[in-house]
Amino acid sequence: MDLNRLQYFLVVCQTEHMKRASEILGISSPAISKALKILEEEVGHKLIINEGRGIKITDKGRELARLIEPQLSNLNKIKDELDSSRSLVNSIRFGTFEVFSTYFAGELFHKVFKDYEVSMYELIPGKIEQALEDFQIDYGITYLPIPHPKIEHIKIGEVSMGVFAKKNTFKNLDFEELPFVIPIRPIDSSPTKVKGLDGWPDDLVYRNIKYRVGLMESALEFLRQGMAVAYLPTFVVELHNRSVKSEFHLSEVDAHVKVKKQKQGIYLVKRKTDIESDVDKKIAKGIRTIMKTT
């Protein structure tokens, strides 16, 4: 049965007057009459009869109205909730890890989403995909995509990677002697042989790991103090250097030939069932814009 016809019928029952029902529904009386005749054919019962200049609801009609009223009410509540969530287009939830949330996220939200209410969740690769499946976030940003049957990874750019340290430190050390600081949390289920959040190609090059930290900002502090080197995206270092005094600026140090000029893809992570929207395009465009200006 057509929901519109049921709604028309319910309004007619509530008003017991075709003209008033027509005014409430905003459609003509003949259109309502036609819809109700079709409904009567569908249910196999006479629902309304003419009485003088008015109408009368039959017993079967009143029984049908009693049955459908709570169902239509629930359906309208569902529609209202959907409309309400749709009206919150200026609310968005991101999941990403510190490479993007440190320095980069502020640039992205300021330039692209300054009119949005933004929630940022710190999640590692794998957890980003799971949070999307569970509808805990709306989008993810990563450069370590973890395959998931319900999630797609849309490549929206590339970042150059390098080994960085405080300026004028470790100049006379061979690569094998460089003291690396790395993320303490490992990556699970990665399709590559990358084991850490910094994306170091562990299968290609061994490095001297001296420090392990839980926060990227902690790693950057090790660098600022001249204690370590780290494998970082170039754009992160450039954004970092903008926000600190020149004496704490970081610069690239000579790395192993196998990791020179390495690039990492940047991926927008979303549910496969999520219809492409203007927000997708805004995120992609915003990231590309920031990459060009760093």
Protein backbone atom coordinates (compact mmCIF):
# COMPACT_ATOMS: atom_id res chain seq x y z
CA MET A 1 0.00 0.00 0.00
CA ASP A 2 1.18 3.50 -0.84
CA LEU A 3 2.16 5.51 2.24
CA ASN A 4 0.77 8.73 0.80
CA ARG A 5 -2.66 7.17 0.33
CA LEU A 6 -2.61 5.90 3.90
CA GLN A 7 -1.67 9.37 5.11
CA TYR A 8 -4.51 10.93 3.10
CA PHE A 9 -6.94 8.43 4.54
CA LEU A 10 -5.79 9.09 8.11
CA VAL A 11 -6.28 12.86 7.71
CA VAL A 12 -9.74 12.30 6.22
CA CYS A 13 -10.63 10.11 9.22
CA GLN A 14 -9.33 12.73 11.65
CA THR A 15 -11.27 15.61 10.04
CA GLU A 16 -14.25 13.60 8.74
CA HIS A 17 -14.45 16.29 6.10
CA MET A 18 -13.04 16.08 2.59
CA LYS A 19 -12.56 19.83 2.14
CA ARG A 20 -10.73 20.27 5.45
CA ALA A 21 -8.55 17.29 4.65
CA SER A 22 -7.80 18.87 1.27
CA GLU A 23 -6.73 22.13 2.93
CA ILE A 24 -4.49 20.32 5.45
CA LEU A 25 -2.85 18.12 2.83
CA GLY A 26 -2.56 20.85 0.22
CA ILE A 27 -4.07 18.75 -2.57
CA SER A 28 -7.46 18.83 -4.28
CA SER A 29 -10.52 16.95 -3.01
CA PRO A 30 -10.84 14.98 -6.30
CA ALA A 31 -7.22 13.84 -5.95
CA ILE A 32 -7.91 12.63 -2.41
CA SER A 33 -11.08 10.84 -3.51
CA LYS A 34 -9.20 9.08 -6.30
CA ALA A 35 -6.44 8.01 -3.92
CA LEU A 36 -8.95 6.64 -1.40
CA LYS A 37 -10.80 4.62 -4.06
CA ILE A 38 -7.50 2.95 -4.96
CA LEU A 39 -6.88 2.28 -1.25
CA GLU A 40 -10.31 0.67 -0.91
CA GLU A 41 -9.50 -1.62 -3.83
CA GLU A 42 -6.21 -2.57 -2.19
CA VAL A 43 -7.73 -3.43 1.21
CA GLY A 44 -10.91 -4.93 -0.27
CA HIS A 45 -13.29 -2.96 1.95
CA LYS A 46 -15.40 0.16 1.73
CA LEU A 47 -13.73 2.75 3.94
CA ILE A 48 -15.72 5.93 3.32
CA ILE A 49 -19.33 6.47 2.25
CA ASN A 50 -21.06 9.65 1.16
CA GLU A 51 -23.70 10.97 3.55
CA GLY A 52 -25.63 14.01 2.34
CA ARG A 53 -23.07 16.67 1.60
CA GLY A 54 -20.53 15.05 3.89
CA ILE A 55 -18.83 11.69 4.38
CA LYS A 56 -18.96 8.91 6.92
CA ILE A 57 -16.14 6.58 7.94
CA THR A 58 -17.18 2.92 7.94
CA ASP A 59 -16.33 0.53 10.77
CA LYS A 60 -13.67 -1.09 8.57
CA GLY A 61 -12.34 2.38 7.85
CA ARG A 62 -12.08 3.23 11.54
CA GLU A 63 -10.36 -0.10 12.20
CA LEU A 64 -7.82 0.58 9.45
CA ALA A 65 -7.18 4.07 10.83
CA ARG A 66 -6.58 2.61 14.31
CA LEU A 67 -4.06 0.14 12.90
CA ILE A 68 -2.10 2.51 10.69
CA GLU A 69 -1.93 5.60 12.91
CA PRO A 70 0.92 4.41 15.19
CA GLN A 71 2.79 2.93 12.21
CA LEU A 72 2.65 6.18 10.27
CA SER A 73 3.66 8.09 13.39
CA ASN A 74 6.78 5.93 13.75
CA LEU A 75 7.62 6.35 10.07
CA ASN A 76 7.29 10.12 10.37
CA LYS A 77 9.61 10.09 13.40
CA ILE A 78 12.21 8.18 11.39
CA LYS A 79 11.91 10.68 8.55
CA ASP A 80 12.21 13.61 10.97
CA GLU A 81 15.37 12.12 12.47
CA LEU A 82 16.88 11.60 9.03
CA ASP A 83 16.00 15.15 8.05
CA SER A 84 17.47 16.39 11.31
CA SER A 85 20.76 14.55 10.75
CA ARG A 86 20.82 15.79 7.17
CA SER A 87 20.46 19.36 8.41
CA LEU A 88 23.65 18.91 10.44
CA VAL A 89 25.78 18.98 7.31
CA ASN A 90 28.10 21.35 9.15
CA SER A 91 29.00 18.66 11.65
CA ILE A 92 31.72 16.20 10.68
CA ARG A 93 33.77 13.51 12.44
CA PHE A 94 37.29 12.62 11.31
CA GLY A 95 39.50 9.71 12.27
CA THR A 96 43.24 9.93 11.68
CA PHE A 97 46.57 9.60 13.44
CA GLU A 98 49.12 12.11 14.61
CA VAL A 99 50.93 12.58 11.32
CA PHE A 100 47.80 14.40 10.16
CA SER A 101 46.32 15.66 13.41
CA THR A 102 49.56 17.41 14.43
CA TYR A 103 49.78 20.74 12.57
CA PHE A 104 48.08 19.47 9.42
CA ALA A 105 44.52 19.09 10.76
CA GLY A 106 44.45 22.66 12.00
CA GLU A 107 45.37 23.91 8.54
CA LEU A 108 42.72 21.71 6.91
CA PHE A 109 39.91 22.69 9.26
CA HIS A 110 40.80 26.38 9.17
CA LYS A 111 40.94 26.57 5.39
CA VAL A 112 38.13 24.17 4.50
CA PHE A 113 35.94 23.43 7.51
CA LYS A 114 36.02 26.60 9.60
CA ASP A 115 32.21 26.76 9.43
CA TYR A 116 31.85 23.14 10.57
CA GLU A 117 31.57 21.59 13.98
CA VAL A 118 34.51 19.17 13.79
CA SER A 119 35.30 16.15 15.94
CA MET A 120 38.78 14.65 15.57
CA TYR A 121 39.45 11.09 16.74
CA GLU A 122 43.00 9.85 17.17
CA LEU A 123 42.97 6.38 15.66
CA ILE A 124 45.65 4.14 14.22
CA PRO A 125 45.32 2.48 10.79
CA GLY A 126 42.94 -0.46 11.06
CA LYS A 127 41.03 1.26 13.85
CA ILE A 128 40.09 4.03 11.39
CA GLU A 129 38.47 1.49 9.09
CA GLN A 130 36.67 -0.20 11.99
CA ALA A 131 35.35 3.11 13.32
CA LEU A 132 33.94 3.88 9.87
CA GLU A 133 32.18 0.53 9.70
CA ASP A 134 30.69 1.17 13.15
CA PHE A 135 29.52 4.70 12.13
CA GLN A 136 31.64 6.28 14.86
CA ILE A 137 33.31 8.61 12.33
CA ASP A 138 32.36 9.99 8.92
CA TYR A 139 35.76 10.05 7.21
CA GLY A 140 39.32 8.95 7.76
CA ILE A 141 42.64 10.30 6.48
CA THR A 142 45.63 7.99 6.27
CA TYR A 143 48.72 7.05 4.32
CA LEU A 144 48.68 3.48 5.61
CA PRO A 145 45.47 1.99 4.16
CA ILE A 146 44.30 -1.26 5.76
CA PRO A 147 42.04 -3.35 3.48
CA HIS A 148 38.46 -3.77 4.68
CA PRO A 149 35.53 -5.24 2.73
CA LYS A 150 33.16 -2.37 3.56
CA ILE A 151 35.65 0.48 3.29
CA GLU A 152 37.24 2.20 0.33
CA HIS A 153 40.49 4.16 0.21
CA ILE A 154 40.53 6.98 -2.33
CA LYS A 155 44.02 8.20 -3.18
CA ILE A 156 43.96 12.00 -3.19
CA GLY A 157 47.65 12.85 -3.25
CA GLU A 158 51.19 11.90 -2.35
CA VAL A 159 53.63 13.12 0.28
CA SER A 160 57.41 13.13 0.11
CA MET A 161 59.10 11.42 3.04
CA GLY A 162 62.50 12.10 4.55
CA VAL A 163 64.75 11.64 7.55
CA PHE A 164 64.77 14.85 9.58
CA ALA A 165 66.69 16.25 12.54
CA LYS A 166 67.42 19.58 14.18
CA LYS A 167 69.48 21.75 11.87
CA ASN A 168 73.22 21.18 11.99
CA THR A 169 73.03 17.97 14.03
CA PHE A 170 74.32 14.49 13.14
CA LYS A 171 76.28 15.88 10.18
CA ASN A 172 79.24 13.57 10.60
CA LEU A 173 77.37 10.34 11.35
CA ASP A 174 76.86 7.52 8.90
CA PHE A 175 73.28 6.47 8.31
CA GLU A 176 73.69 3.32 10.41
CA GLU A 177 74.64 5.49 13.40
CA LEU A 178 71.69 7.87 13.25
CA PRO A 179 69.55 7.53 16.44
CA PHE A 180 65.93 7.15 15.32
CA VAL A 181 62.86 7.95 17.38
CA ILE A 182 59.84 5.95 16.17
CA PRO A 183 56.15 5.42 17.09
CA ILE A 184 55.73 2.85 19.81
CA ARG A 185 52.50 1.42 18.38
CA PRO A 186 52.84 -1.20 15.64
CA ILE A 187 50.56 -1.58 12.61
CA ASP A 188 48.44 -4.72 12.32
CA SER A 189 47.08 -6.24 9.10
CA SER A 190 49.07 -3.97 6.80
CA PRO A 191 49.21 -5.36 3.24
CA THR A 192 52.80 -4.09 3.00
CA LYS A 193 55.75 -4.92 5.22
CA VAL A 194 55.45 -1.58 7.00
CA LYS A 195 55.32 -2.18 10.74
CA GLY A 196 55.18 1.30 12.24
CA LEU A 197 53.00 4.40 12.09
CA ASP A 198 55.75 6.41 10.43
CA GLY A 199 55.63 4.17 7.35
CA TRP A 200 59.32 3.23 7.36
CA PRO A 201 60.05 0.50 4.74
CA ASP A 202 61.27 -2.08 7.25
CA ASP A 203 61.72 -4.70 4.55
CA LEU A 204 64.21 -2.49 2.70
CA VAL A 205 66.40 -0.81 5.29
CA TYR A 206 67.45 -1.48 8.88
CA ARG A 207 67.74 1.60 11.11
CA ASN A 208 69.19 2.28 14.52
CA ILE A 209 66.16 2.70 16.80
CA LYS A 210 67.04 4.42 20.06
CA TYR A 211 63.71 5.87 21.22
CA ARG A 212 60.07 4.78 21.01
CA VAL A 213 57.31 7.23 21.87
CA GLY A 214 53.53 7.23 22.02
CA LEU A 215 53.00 10.77 20.74
CA MET A 216 54.33 12.41 17.62
CA GLU A 217 54.82 15.66 19.50
CA SER A 218 57.13 13.77 21.86
CA ALA A 219 59.16 12.58 18.87
CA LEU A 220 59.37 16.14 17.55
CA GLU A 221 60.64 17.30 20.95
CA PHE A 222 63.42 14.70 20.75
CA LEU A 223 64.34 16.23 17.40
CA ARG A 224 64.16 19.81 18.66
CA GLN A 225 66.54 18.89 21.48
CA GLY A 226 69.00 17.40 18.99
CA MET A 227 68.67 13.91 20.46
CA ALA A 228 67.29 11.94 17.52
CA VAL A 229 66.20 11.78 13.90
CA ALA A 230 62.76 10.75 12.60
CA TYR A 231 61.18 9.60 9.37
CA LEU A 232 58.53 12.20 8.58
CA PRO A 233 56.45 13.63 5.75
CA THR A 234 58.05 16.78 4.36
CA PHE A 235 54.83 18.76 4.74
CA VAL A 236 54.68 18.00 8.48
CA VAL A 237 58.19 19.35 8.96
CA GLU A 238 57.39 22.49 6.96
CA LEU A 239 54.25 23.10 9.03
CA HIS A 240 56.25 22.44 12.20
CA ASN A 241 58.96 24.93 11.21
CA ARG A 242 56.35 27.62 10.69
CA SER A 243 55.19 27.31 14.28
CA VAL A 244 58.51 27.22 16.17
CA LYS A 245 61.49 29.52 16.57
CA SER A 246 64.18 29.21 13.92
CA GLU A 247 66.61 27.70 16.43
CA PHE A 248 64.32 24.65 16.61
CA HIS A 249 63.80 24.23 12.87
CA LEU A 250 64.22 20.75 11.45
CA SER A 251 66.00 19.89 8.22
CA GLU A 252 66.54 16.78 6.17
CA VAL A 253 69.60 14.68 6.81
CA ASP A 254 71.28 12.29 4.46
CA ALA A 255 69.37 9.02 4.43
CA HIS A 256 69.96 5.56 3.06
CA VAL A 257 69.79 5.47 -0.72
CA LYS A 258 66.81 3.09 -0.60
CA VAL A 259 64.63 5.55 1.28
CA LYS A 260 65.63 8.71 -0.53
CA LYS A 261 62.76 10.39 -2.36
CA GLN A 262 60.26 7.89 -0.97
CA LYS A 263 56.62 8.91 -1.35
CA GLN A 264 53.51 7.90 0.54
CA GLY A 265 50.00 8.08 -0.88
CA ILE A 266 47.41 10.07 1.07
CA TYR A 267 44.01 8.38 1.20
CA LEU A 268 40.54 9.57 2.04
CA VAL A 269 38.88 6.67 3.87
CA LYS A 270 35.10 6.24 3.69
CA ARG A 271 32.35 3.66 3.68
CA LYS A 272 31.61 2.10 0.30
CA THR A 273 27.90 2.71 0.90
CA ASP A 274 28.41 6.42 1.55
CA ILE A 275 27.26 8.36 -1.51
CA GLU A 276 29.86 10.79 -2.82
CA SER A 277 29.16 14.31 -1.63
CA ASP A 278 30.56 17.84 -1.74
CA VAL A 279 32.29 17.10 1.56
CA ASP A 280 34.43 14.41 -0.10
CA LYS A 281 35.52 16.93 -2.70
CA LYS A 282 36.20 19.59 -0.05
CA ILE A 283 38.45 17.25 1.91
CA ALA A 284 40.40 16.19 -1.19
CA LYS A 285 40.74 19.75 -2.46
CA GLY A 286 41.73 21.05 0.97
CA ILE A 287 44.46 18.46 1.40
CA ARG A 288 45.83 19.10 -2.07
CA THR A 289 45.83 22.85 -1.41
CA ILE A 290 47.76 22.46 1.83
CA MET A 291 50.24 20.14 0.13
CA LYS A 292 50.91 22.74 -2.56
CA THR A 293 51.48 25.52 -0.07
CA THR A 294 53.92 23.61 2.14
